[in-house]
C-alpha atoms as a PDB file:
ATOM      1  CA  MET A   1     182.221   6.866  76.020  1.00  0.00           C
ATOM      2  CA  LYS A   2     178.908   8.464  76.914  1.00  0.00           C
ATOM      3  CA  SER A   3     179.320  11.046  74.193  1.00  0.00           C
ATOM      4  CA  PHE A   4     180.018   8.259  71.676  1.00  0.00           C
ATOM      5  CA  TRP A   5     176.649   6.526  71.859  1.00  0.00           C
ATOM      6  CA  ILE A   6     174.603   9.683  72.349  1.00  0.00           C
ATOM      7  CA  ILE A   7     175.371  10.715  68.748  1.00  0.00           C
ATOM      8  CA  PRO A   8     173.353   7.926  67.015  1.00  0.00           C
ATOM      9  CA  PHE A   9     170.627   8.478  69.606  1.00  0.00           C
ATOM     10  CA  LEU A  10     170.300  12.113  68.605  1.00  0.00           C
ATOM     11  CA  LEU A  11     170.382  11.213  64.909  1.00  0.00           C
ATOM     12  CA  LEU A  12     167.543   8.764  65.415  1.00  0.00           C
ATOM     13  CA  GLN A  13     165.627  11.354  67.351  1.00  0.00           C
ATOM     14  CA  ASP A  14     165.867  13.747  64.455  1.00  0.00           C
ATOM     15  CA  ASN A  15     163.909  11.268  62.322  1.00  0.00           C
ATOM     16  CA  GLU A  16     160.956  11.534  64.739  1.00  0.00           C
ATOM     17  CA  ALA A  17     160.153  15.129  63.758  1.00  0.00           C
ATOM     18  CA  PHE A  18     156.551  15.780  62.660  1.00  0.00           C
ATOM     19  CA  LEU A  19     154.223  18.634  61.788  1.00  0.00           C
ATOM     20  CA  MET A  20     151.419  19.624  64.166  1.00  0.00           C
ATOM     21  CA  LYS A  21     148.341  20.331  62.030  1.00  0.00           C
ATOM     22  CA  ASN A  22     145.050  21.406  63.544  1.00  0.00           C
ATOM     23  CA  ALA A  23     142.150  19.163  62.502  1.00  0.00           C
ATOM     24  CA  LYS A  24     139.772  22.125  62.128  1.00  0.00           C
ATOM     25  CA  VAL A  25     141.674  24.927  60.398  1.00  0.00           C
ATOM     26  CA  LYS A  26     144.145  22.617  58.569  1.00  0.00           C
ATOM     27  CA  LEU A  27     147.070  24.903  59.485  1.00  0.00           C
ATOM     28  CA  CYS A  28     150.307  23.879  61.141  1.00  0.00           C
ATOM     29  CA  LEU A  29     151.875  25.080  64.368  1.00  0.00           C
ATOM     30  CA  GLN A  30     154.924  27.256  63.710  1.00  0.00           C
ATOM     31  CA  ALA A  31     157.352  28.782  66.209  1.00  0.00           C
ATOM     32  CA  SER A  32     158.696  32.309  65.844  1.00  0.00           C
ATOM     33  CA  PRO A  33     162.510  32.483  66.122  1.00  0.00           C
ATOM     34  CA  MET A  34     162.553  36.035  67.484  1.00  0.00           C
ATOM     35  CA  GLU A  35     159.798  36.590  70.064  1.00  0.00           C
ATOM     36  CA  GLY A  36     158.909  33.032  70.955  1.00  0.00           C
ATOM     37  CA  ASP A  37     155.345  33.367  69.658  1.00  0.00           C
ATOM     38  CA  VAL A  38     153.476  30.392  68.254  1.00  0.00           C
ATOM     39  CA  LEU A  39     151.565  30.910  65.009  1.00  0.00           C
ATOM     40  CA  LEU A  40     149.358  28.959  62.645  1.00  0.00           C
ATOM     41  CA  GLU A  41     150.671  28.893  59.078  1.00  0.00           C
ATOM     42  CA  ASP A  42     150.274  26.833  55.922  1.00  0.00           C
ATOM     43  CA  CYS A  43     151.962  23.478  56.341  1.00  0.00           C
ATOM     44  CA  ASP A  44     155.503  23.369  54.956  1.00  0.00           C
ATOM     45  CA  PRO A  45     157.426  20.091  55.489  1.00  0.00           C
ATOM     46  CA  GLU A  46     160.675  21.862  54.529  1.00  0.00           C
ATOM     47  CA  SER A  47     160.439  24.413  57.344  1.00  0.00           C
ATOM     48  CA  ASP A  48     162.354  23.599  60.537  1.00  0.00           C
ATOM     49  CA  LEU A  49     160.128  26.059  62.410  1.00  0.00           C
ATOM     50  CA  GLN A  50     157.206  23.659  61.874  1.00  0.00           C
ATOM     51  CA  ASP A  51     159.110  20.532  62.915  1.00  0.00           C
ATOM     52  CA  TRP A  52     158.249  19.272  66.384  1.00  0.00           C
ATOM     53  CA  SER A  53     159.312  16.222  68.329  1.00  0.00           C
ATOM     54  CA  TRP A  54     158.541  14.698  71.666  1.00  0.00           C
ATOM     55  CA  GLN A  55     161.296  15.051  74.268  1.00  0.00           C
ATOM     56  CA  GLY A  56     159.824  13.035  77.077  1.00  0.00           C
ATOM     57  CA  HIS A  57     156.631  14.960  77.866  1.00  0.00           C
ATOM     58  CA  SER A  58     157.864  18.154  76.218  1.00  0.00           C
ATOM     59  CA  LEU A  59     157.259  19.298  72.640  1.00  0.00           C
ATOM     60  CA  MET A  60     160.454  20.738  71.180  1.00  0.00           C
ATOM     61  CA  ASN A  61     160.635  22.847  68.031  1.00  0.00           C
ATOM     62  CA  HIS A  62     163.569  21.957  65.761  1.00  0.00           C
ATOM     63  CA  GLY A  63     163.941  25.437  64.320  1.00  0.00           C
ATOM     64  CA  THR A  64     164.299  27.310  67.626  1.00  0.00           C
ATOM     65  CA  GLN A  65     165.414  24.397  69.841  1.00  0.00           C
ATOM     66  CA  SER A  66     162.827  25.568  72.361  1.00  0.00           C
ATOM     67  CA  CYS A  67     159.824  23.838  73.898  1.00  0.00           C
ATOM     68  CA  LEU A  68     156.112  24.611  73.774  1.00  0.00           C
ATOM     69  CA  SER A  69     155.155  26.206  77.089  1.00  0.00           C
ATOM     70  CA  VAL A  70     152.194  27.865  78.799  1.00  0.00           C
ATOM     71  CA  VAL A  71     152.663  31.498  79.806  1.00  0.00           C
ATOM     72  CA  GLY A  72     150.173  33.032  82.207  1.00  0.00           C
ATOM     73  CA  ALA A  73     146.639  31.731  82.351  1.00  0.00           C
ATOM     74  CA  ASP A  74     146.053  30.603  78.785  1.00  0.00           C
ATOM     75  CA  ALA A  75     148.799  32.037  76.533  1.00  0.00           C
ATOM     76  CA  VAL A  76     151.156  29.652  74.738  1.00  0.00           C
ATOM     77  CA  GLN A  77     154.729  30.450  73.674  1.00  0.00           C
ATOM     78  CA  THR A  78     158.072  28.715  73.331  1.00  0.00           C
ATOM     79  CA  SER A  79     160.706  28.793  76.036  1.00  0.00           C
ATOM     80  CA  LEU A  80     164.053  27.168  76.740  1.00  0.00           C
ATOM     81  CA  CYS A  81     163.685  23.451  77.271  1.00  0.00           C
ATOM     82  CA  GLY A  82     164.455  22.073  80.732  1.00  0.00           C
ATOM     83  CA  THR A  83     163.843  25.355  82.522  1.00  0.00           C
ATOM     84  CA  ALA A  84     161.178  26.130  85.070  1.00  0.00           C
ATOM     85  CA  GLY A  85     159.068  27.882  82.434  1.00  0.00           C
ATOM     86  CA  SER A  86     158.823  24.872  80.122  1.00  0.00           C
ATOM     87  CA  THR A  87     155.643  22.816  80.157  1.00  0.00           C
ATOM     88  CA  SER A  88     155.094  19.079  80.066  1.00  0.00           C
ATOM     89  CA  TRP A  89     152.126  17.953  78.010  1.00  0.00           C
ATOM     90  CA  ASP A  90     149.679  15.131  78.369  1.00  0.00           C
ATOM     91  CA  CYS A  91     148.426  13.708  75.074  1.00  0.00           C
ATOM     92  CA  SER A  92     145.279  11.606  74.657  1.00  0.00           C
ATOM     93  CA  TYR A  93     142.829  11.284  71.755  1.00  0.00           C
ATOM     94  CA  SER A  94     144.700  13.976  69.776  1.00  0.00           C
ATOM     95  CA  LEU A  95     144.170  16.458  72.636  1.00  0.00           C
ATOM     96  CA  LEU A  96     147.078  18.267  74.282  1.00  0.00           C
ATOM     97  CA  SER A  97     146.781  19.548  77.818  1.00  0.00           C
ATOM     98  CA  PRO A  98     149.362  20.708  80.388  1.00  0.00           C
ATOM     99  CA  LEU A  99     150.474  17.755  82.464  1.00  0.00           C
ATOM    100  CA  GLY A 100     149.103  17.833  86.020  1.00  0.00           C
ATOM    101  CA  SER A 101     146.934  20.875  85.351  1.00  0.00           C
ATOM    102  CA  SER A 102     143.288  21.562  84.555  1.00  0.00           C
ATOM    103  CA  GLN A 103     143.892  24.685  82.491  1.00  0.00           C
ATOM    104  CA  GLY A 104     142.258  23.128  79.432  1.00  0.00           C
ATOM    105  CA  TYR A 105     143.491  22.000  76.028  1.00  0.00           C
ATOM    106  CA  LEU A 106     145.644  23.487  73.291  1.00  0.00           C
ATOM    107  CA  VAL A 107     143.127  25.127  70.937  1.00  0.00           C
ATOM    108  CA  ALA A 108     143.492  26.934  67.597  1.00  0.00           C
ATOM    109  CA  ASN A 109     141.900  30.384  67.380  1.00  0.00           C
ATOM    110  CA  LYS A 110     142.060  33.478  65.163  1.00  0.00           C
ATOM    111  CA  LYS A 111     145.147  34.874  66.898  1.00  0.00           C
ATOM    112  CA  GLY A 112     147.035  31.601  66.932  1.00  0.00           C
ATOM    113  CA  VAL A 113     146.853  29.055  69.711  1.00  0.00           C
ATOM    114  CA  ALA A 114     145.844  29.244  73.345  1.00  0.00           C
ATOM    115  CA  LEU A 115     144.396  27.100  76.109  1.00  0.00           C
ATOM    116  CA  GLY A 116     140.648  26.489  76.147  1.00  0.00           C
ATOM    117  CA  ASP A 117     137.992  24.056  77.316  1.00  0.00           C
ATOM    118  CA  VAL A 118     136.994  23.046  73.792  1.00  0.00           C
ATOM    119  CA  ARG A 119     137.375  19.334  72.966  1.00  0.00           C
ATOM    120  CA  GLY A 120     136.285  19.453  69.344  1.00  0.00           C
ATOM    121  CA  PRO A 121     138.354  19.525  66.101  1.00  0.00           C
ATOM    122  CA  LYS A 122     139.912  22.882  67.089  1.00  0.00           C
ATOM    123  CA  ALA A 123     141.675  21.095  69.962  1.00  0.00           C
ATOM    124  CA  GLN A 124     142.770  18.055  67.956  1.00  0.00           C
ATOM    125  CA  TRP A 125     146.306  17.952  66.521  1.00  0.00           C
ATOM    126  CA  GLN A 126     147.559  15.662  63.806  1.00  0.00           C
ATOM    127  CA  ASP A 127     150.569  15.211  61.545  1.00  0.00           C
ATOM    128  CA  VAL A 128     150.535  15.591  57.748  1.00  0.00           C
ATOM    129  CA  ALA A 129     149.374  11.977  57.432  1.00  0.00           C
ATOM    130  CA  ASP A 130     146.374  12.776  59.672  1.00  0.00           C
ATOM    131  CA  ARG A 131     147.739  10.655  62.480  1.00  0.00           C
ATOM    132  CA  SER A 132     147.329  11.844  66.011  1.00  0.00           C
ATOM    133  CA  VAL A 133     150.360  13.449  67.649  1.00  0.00           C
ATOM    134  CA  CYS A 134     149.668  11.079  70.505  1.00  0.00           C
ATOM    135  CA  GLU A 135     150.594   8.185  68.228  1.00  0.00           C
ATOM    136  CA  GLU A 136     153.914   9.919  67.549  1.00  0.00           C
ATOM    137  CA  LYS A 137     154.539  10.068  71.280  1.00  0.00           C
ATOM    138  CA  ALA A 138     153.544   6.420  71.746  1.00  0.00           C
ATOM    139  CA  GLU A 139     156.004   5.336  69.023  1.00  0.00           C
ATOM    140  CA  GLN A 140     158.807   7.367  70.527  1.00  0.00           C
ATOM    141  CA  ASP A 141     158.118   5.998  74.001  1.00  0.00           C
ATOM    142  CA  ARG A 142     158.164   2.487  72.582  1.00  0.00           C
ATOM    143  CA  HIS A 143     161.523   2.948  70.809  1.00  0.00           C
ATOM    144  CA  PHE A 144     163.126   5.198  73.410  1.00  0.00           C
ATOM    145  CA  PRO A 145     161.654   4.302  76.814  1.00  0.00           C
ATOM    146  CA  ALA A 146     164.000   6.655  78.634  1.00  0.00           C
ATOM    147  CA  ALA A 147     163.612  10.036  76.943  1.00  0.00           C
ATOM    148  CA  LEU A 148     166.897  11.852  77.065  1.00  0.00           C
ATOM    149  CA  ALA A 149     165.692  15.412  77.479  1.00  0.00           C
ATOM    150  CA  SER A 150     163.315  14.670  80.392  1.00  0.00           C
ATOM    151  CA  ALA A 151     165.482  12.288  82.388  1.00  0.00           C
ATOM    152  CA  GLN A 152     167.205  14.365  85.056  1.00  0.00           C
ATOM    153  CA  VAL A 153     168.756  13.559  88.398  1.00  0.00           C
ATOM    154  CA  TYR A 154     169.678  16.164  90.941  1.00  0.00           C
ATOM    155  CA  ASP A 155     173.085  16.468  92.481  1.00  0.00           C
ATOM    156  CA  HIS A 156     172.204  17.460  96.046  1.00  0.00           C
ATOM    157  CA  THR A 157     175.789  18.372  96.882  1.00  0.00           C
ATOM    158  CA  ALA A 158     176.230  20.824  94.022  1.00  0.00           C
ATOM    159  CA  GLY A 159     172.592  21.811  93.605  1.00  0.00           C
ATOM    160  CA  ASN A 160     172.804  21.497  89.802  1.00  0.00           C
ATOM    161  CA  ALA A 161     170.586  19.417  87.504  1.00  0.00           C
ATOM    162  CA  THR A 162     172.510  16.923  85.352  1.00  0.00           C
ATOM    163  CA  LEU A 163     171.344  14.346  82.873  1.00  0.00           C
ATOM    164  CA  VAL A 164     171.491  10.623  83.456  1.00  0.00           C
ATOM    165  CA  LEU A 165     174.284  10.443  80.897  1.00  0.00           C
ATOM    166  CA  GLY A 166     176.445  12.748  82.968  1.00  0.00           C
ATOM    167  CA  MET A 167     175.989  15.766  80.649  1.00  0.00           C
ATOM    168  CA  ASP A 168     174.615  19.114  81.727  1.00  0.00           C
ATOM    169  CA  GLN A 169     171.833  20.919  79.906  1.00  0.00           C
ATOM    170  CA  GLU A 170     174.139  23.260  77.942  1.00  0.00           C
ATOM    171  CA  GLU A 171     176.148  20.374  76.466  1.00  0.00           C
ATOM    172  CA  LEU A 172     172.970  18.582  75.477  1.00  0.00           C
ATOM    173  CA  GLU A 173     171.548  21.672  73.754  1.00  0.00           C
ATOM    174  CA  GLU A 174     174.825  22.164  71.895  1.00  0.00           C
ATOM    175  CA  LEU A 175     174.698  18.588  70.597  1.00  0.00           C
ATOM    176  CA  LEU A 176     171.058  18.950  69.617  1.00  0.00           C
ATOM    177  CA  TRP A 177     171.836  22.165  67.750  1.00  0.00           C
ATOM    178  CA  PHE A 178     174.803  20.656  65.905  1.00  0.00           C
ATOM    179  CA  PHE A 179     173.133  17.458  64.727  1.00  0.00           C
ATOM    180  CA  ARG A 180     169.845  19.097  63.773  1.00  0.00           C
ATOM    181  CA  ARG A 181     171.150  22.251  62.126  1.00  0.00           C
ATOM    182  CA  GLU A 182     174.055  20.783  60.222  1.00  0.00           C
ATOM    183  CA  ASP A 183     173.736  21.624  56.541  1.00  0.00           C
ATOM    184  CA  PRO A 184     174.372  18.565  54.332  1.00  0.00           C
ATOM    185  CA  SER A 185     174.783  20.703  51.202  1.00  0.00           C
ATOM    186  CA  MET A 186     178.586  20.623  51.334  1.00  0.00           C
ATOM    187  CA  TRP A 187     178.586  16.829  51.481  1.00  0.00           C
ATOM    188  CA  ASN A 188     176.142  16.618  48.566  1.00  0.00           C
ATOM    189  CA  TYR A 189     178.211  19.026  46.463  1.00  0.00           C
ATOM    190  CA  SER A 190     181.381  17.064  47.250  1.00  0.00           C
ATOM    191  CA  ILE A 191     179.808  13.787  46.129  1.00  0.00           C
ATOM    192  CA  LEU A 192     178.527  15.478  42.948  1.00  0.00           C
ATOM    193  CA  ALA A 193     182.003  16.869  42.173  1.00  0.00           C
ATOM    194  CA  LEU A 194     183.632  13.473  42.769  1.00  0.00           C
ATOM    195  CA  SER A 195     181.094  11.829  40.466  1.00  0.00           C
ATOM    196  CA  PHE A 196     181.856  14.381  37.729  1.00  0.00           C
ATOM    197  CA  VAL A 197     185.624  13.842  38.085  1.00  0.00           C
ATOM    198  CA  ALA A 198     185.143  10.066  37.949  1.00  0.00           C
ATOM    199  CA  MET A 199     183.066  10.417  34.759  1.00  0.00           C
ATOM    200  CA  ILE A 200     185.726  12.610  33.093  1.00  0.00           C
ATOM    201  CA  LEU A 201     188.476  10.178  34.111  1.00  0.00           C
ATOM    202  CA  GLY A 202     186.494   7.252  32.712  1.00  0.00           C
ATOM    203  CA  LEU A 203     185.965   9.020  29.364  1.00  0.00           C
ATOM    204  CA  LEU A 204     189.684   9.879  29.177  1.00  0.00           C
ATOM    205  CA  LEU A 205     190.705   6.270  29.805  1.00  0.00           C
ATOM    206  CA  LEU A 206     188.191   5.105  27.186  1.00  0.00           C
ATOM    207  CA  ALA A 207     189.649   7.491  24.560  1.00  0.00           C
ATOM    208  CA  ILE A 208     193.215   6.370  25.341  1.00  0.00           C
ATOM    209  CA  ASN A 209     192.190   2.722  25.027  1.00  0.00           C
ATOM    210  CA  ILE A 210     190.526   3.346  21.638  1.00  0.00           C
ATOM    211  CA  VAL A 211     193.623   5.131  20.254  1.00  0.00           C
ATOM    212  CA  ARG A 212     195.935   2.359  21.446  1.00  0.00           C
ATOM    213  CA  ASN A 213     193.736  -0.335  19.875  1.00  0.00           C
ATOM    214  CA  ARG A 214     193.817   1.474  16.534  1.00  0.00           C
ATOM    215  CA  LYS A 215     197.604   1.818  16.636  1.00  0.00           C
ATOM    216  CA  ARG A 216     197.991  -1.860  17.498  1.00  0.00           C
ATOM    217  CA  LYS A 217     195.773  -2.907  14.592  1.00  0.00           C
ATOM    218  CA  LEU A 218     197.727  -0.715  12.162  1.00  0.00           C
ATOM    219  CA  HIS A 219     201.016  -2.190  13.389  1.00  0.00           C
ATOM    220  CA  VAL A 220     199.714  -5.743  12.939  1.00  0.00           C
ATOM    221  CA  TYR A 221     198.467  -4.900   9.432  1.00  0.00           C
ATOM    222  CA  ARG A 222     201.817  -3.424   8.414  1.00  0.00           C
ATOM    223  CA  GLU A 223     203.719  -6.443   9.730  1.00  0.00           C
ATOM    224  CA  ALA A 224     201.416  -8.785   7.806  1.00  0.00           C
ATOM    225  CA  ALA A 225     201.918  -6.767   4.576  1.00  0.00           C
ATOM    226  CA  GLN A 226     205.697  -6.756   5.032  1.00  0.00           C
ATOM    227  CA  THR A 227     205.739 -10.511   5.648  1.00  0.00           C
ATOM    228  CA  THR A 228     203.689 -11.081   2.486  1.00  0.00           C
ATOM    229  CA  GLN A 229     206.059  -8.965   0.395  1.00  0.00           C
ATOM    230  CA  GLN A 230     209.090 -10.831   1.703  1.00  0.00           C
ATOM    231  CA  ALA A 231     207.444 -14.185   0.901  1.00  0.00           C
ATOM    232  CA  GLU A 232     206.676 -13.096  -2.662  1.00  0.00           C
ATOM    233  CA  LEU A 233     210.241 -11.826  -3.144  1.00  0.00           C
ATOM    234  CA  GLY A 234     211.683 -15.136  -1.931  1.00  0.00           C
ATOM    235  CA  ALA A 235     209.442 -17.066  -4.301  1.00  0.00           C
ATOM    236  CA  LYS A 236     210.626 -14.976  -7.250  1.00  0.00           C
ATOM    237  CA  GLN A 237     214.289 -15.459  -6.351  1.00  0.00           C
ATOM    238  CA  ALA A 238     213.789 -19.235  -6.222  1.00  0.00           C
ATOM    239  CA  LEU A 239     212.742 -19.363  -9.894  1.00  0.00           C
ATOM    240  CA  VAL A 240     215.410 -20.106 -12.612  1.00  0.00           C
ATOM    241  CA  PRO A 241     216.478 -16.826 -14.227  1.00  0.00           C
ATOM    242  CA  VAL A 242     215.534 -16.588 -17.861  1.00  0.00           C
ATOM    243  CA  GLN A 243     217.580 -14.496 -20.261  1.00  0.00           C
ATOM    244  CA  GLU A 244     215.590 -11.744 -21.725  1.00  0.00           C
ATOM    245  CA  TYR A 245     215.251 -11.734 -25.506  1.00  0.00           C
ATOM    246  CA  SER A 246     217.169  -8.913 -27.131  1.00  0.00           C
ATOM    247  CA  PRO A 247     217.028  -8.196 -30.893  1.00  0.00           C
ATOM    248  CA  ALA A 248     220.622  -6.876 -30.823  1.00  0.00           C
ATOM    249  CA  GLU A 249     221.888 -10.316 -29.725  1.00  0.00           C
ATOM    250  CA  THR A 250     220.280 -12.181 -32.631  1.00  0.00           C
ATOM    251  CA  PRO A 251     222.997 -14.287 -34.340  1.00  0.00           C
ATOM    252  CA  LYS A 252     224.032 -12.994 -37.688  1.00  0.00           C
ATOM    253  CA  GLU A 253     223.281 -15.215 -40.619  1.00  0.00           C
ATOM    254  CA  GLU A 254     226.282 -16.179 -42.641  1.00  0.00           C
ATOM    255  CA  PRO A 255     226.079 -14.988 -46.214  1.00  0.00           C
ATOM    256  CA  GLU A 256     225.437 -17.647 -48.742  1.00  0.00           C
ATOM    257  CA  PRO A 257     228.402 -18.425 -50.992  1.00  0.00           C
ATOM    258  CA  GLN A 258     228.252 -16.872 -54.353  1.00  0.00           C
ATOM    259  CA  GLY A 259     226.881 -19.151 -56.983  1.00  0.00           C
ATOM    260  CA  GLN A 260     224.950 -21.167 -54.424  1.00  0.00           C
ATOM    261  CA  ARG A 261     221.359 -21.593 -55.161  1.00  0.00           C
ATOM    262  CA  SER A 262     218.536 -22.685 -53.061  1.00  0.00           C
ATOM    263  CA  GLY A 263     218.223 -26.432 -52.877  1.00  0.00           C
ATOM    264  CA  ASP A 264     221.899 -27.185 -53.544  1.00  0.00           C
ATOM    265  CA  VAL A 265     223.777 -29.586 -51.265  1.00  0.00           C
ATOM    266  CA  MET A 266     227.208 -28.233 -50.570  1.00  0.00           C
ATOM    267  CA  VAL A 267     230.149 -30.397 -49.469  1.00  0.00           C
ATOM    268  CA  GLN A 268     233.274 -29.048 -47.868  1.00  0.00           C
ATOM    269  CA  TRP A 269     236.306 -31.162 -48.575  1.00  0.00           C
ATOM    270  CA  LYS A 270     239.344 -31.675 -46.370  1.00  0.00           C
ATOM    271  CA  ASP A 271     241.398 -29.289 -48.381  1.00  0.00           C
ATOM    272  CA  GLY A 272     238.845 -26.616 -47.739  1.00  0.00           C
ATOM    273  CA  THR A 273     237.169 -26.485 -51.097  1.00  0.00           C
ATOM    274  CA  VAL A 274     233.401 -26.405 -51.245  1.00  0.00           C
ATOM    275  CA  THR A 275     231.584 -27.953 -54.182  1.00  0.00           C
ATOM    276  CA  SER A 276     228.028 -28.819 -54.973  1.00  0.00           C
ATOM    277  CA  LEU A 277     227.118 -32.423 -54.531  1.00  0.00           C
ATOM    278  CA  TYR A 278     224.932 -32.437 -57.596  1.00  0.00           C
ATOM    279  CA  THR A 279     226.041 -30.721 -60.711  1.00  0.00           C
ATOM    280  CA  GLU A 280     223.215 -29.193 -62.664  1.00  0.00           C
ATOM    281  CA  ARG A 281     223.228 -30.213 -66.220  1.00  0.00           C
ATOM    282  CA  SER A 282     222.499 -27.770 -68.838  1.00  0.00           C
ATOM    283  CA  GLU A 283     219.527 -28.263 -71.076  1.00  0.00           C
ATOM    284  CA  ASP A 284     221.806 -28.355 -74.135  1.00  0.00           C
ATOM    285  CA  ALA A 285     223.721 -31.332 -72.789  1.00  0.00           C
ATOM    286  CA  ILE A 286     220.527 -33.245 -72.340  1.00  0.00           C
END
């Protein structure tokens, strides 16, 4: 259960990282991953070696997972956090000095950083927004009153230092390393690939829908044309059939009887004889 709620705590702590820029030289404090040296380089927000955060009264570098410590009289390096060689820092008015010591303040020089008695801009440290690193510590103390990395209780029976949460120092460092060094590129690439697949699937469904709509419209049009043709055919069949005129079927005219002239009125008697109703008189008779 303790490991369950420490995870969001560590994730929130990772958001408190800041750059330590000197107010005089305008360069940022950078840890060396190999020798533990501390250098002054151009500020790079993307570099983990320039990311620092307050762990109680200790300043931890996110790139090396080590803390800013005093070595010897005035030299400054990084060492493993929580060990006897690590240093706790007091922060006031942008000045950093070893807690409970009068060795001086953290000062920027030509070689890098060291301890000195200077209180001017060379000893003042700010973030990229020109806010004092002391304000960063005040915000963290306000949100996280019990700093996880500095809260230790001693088991007098075993003689080992354990954290308040019941975790030893090695487990804590492993968690810090995992949650601060995890590369989110795989997750980003996965989301990008899923978005591309979803886009392709959407275009495929759109094309299928368009083809089906066209086929449905063609089917409806063909049905309407077929219905219209059937209606016209029924209307034609309902009409009375009319015999077509054929010249071959023209009734033959009966030949006029011989001796019949135009204008004569012919009478057919019961015995079958046909005579003219009016007999033309000859001009001689008249």
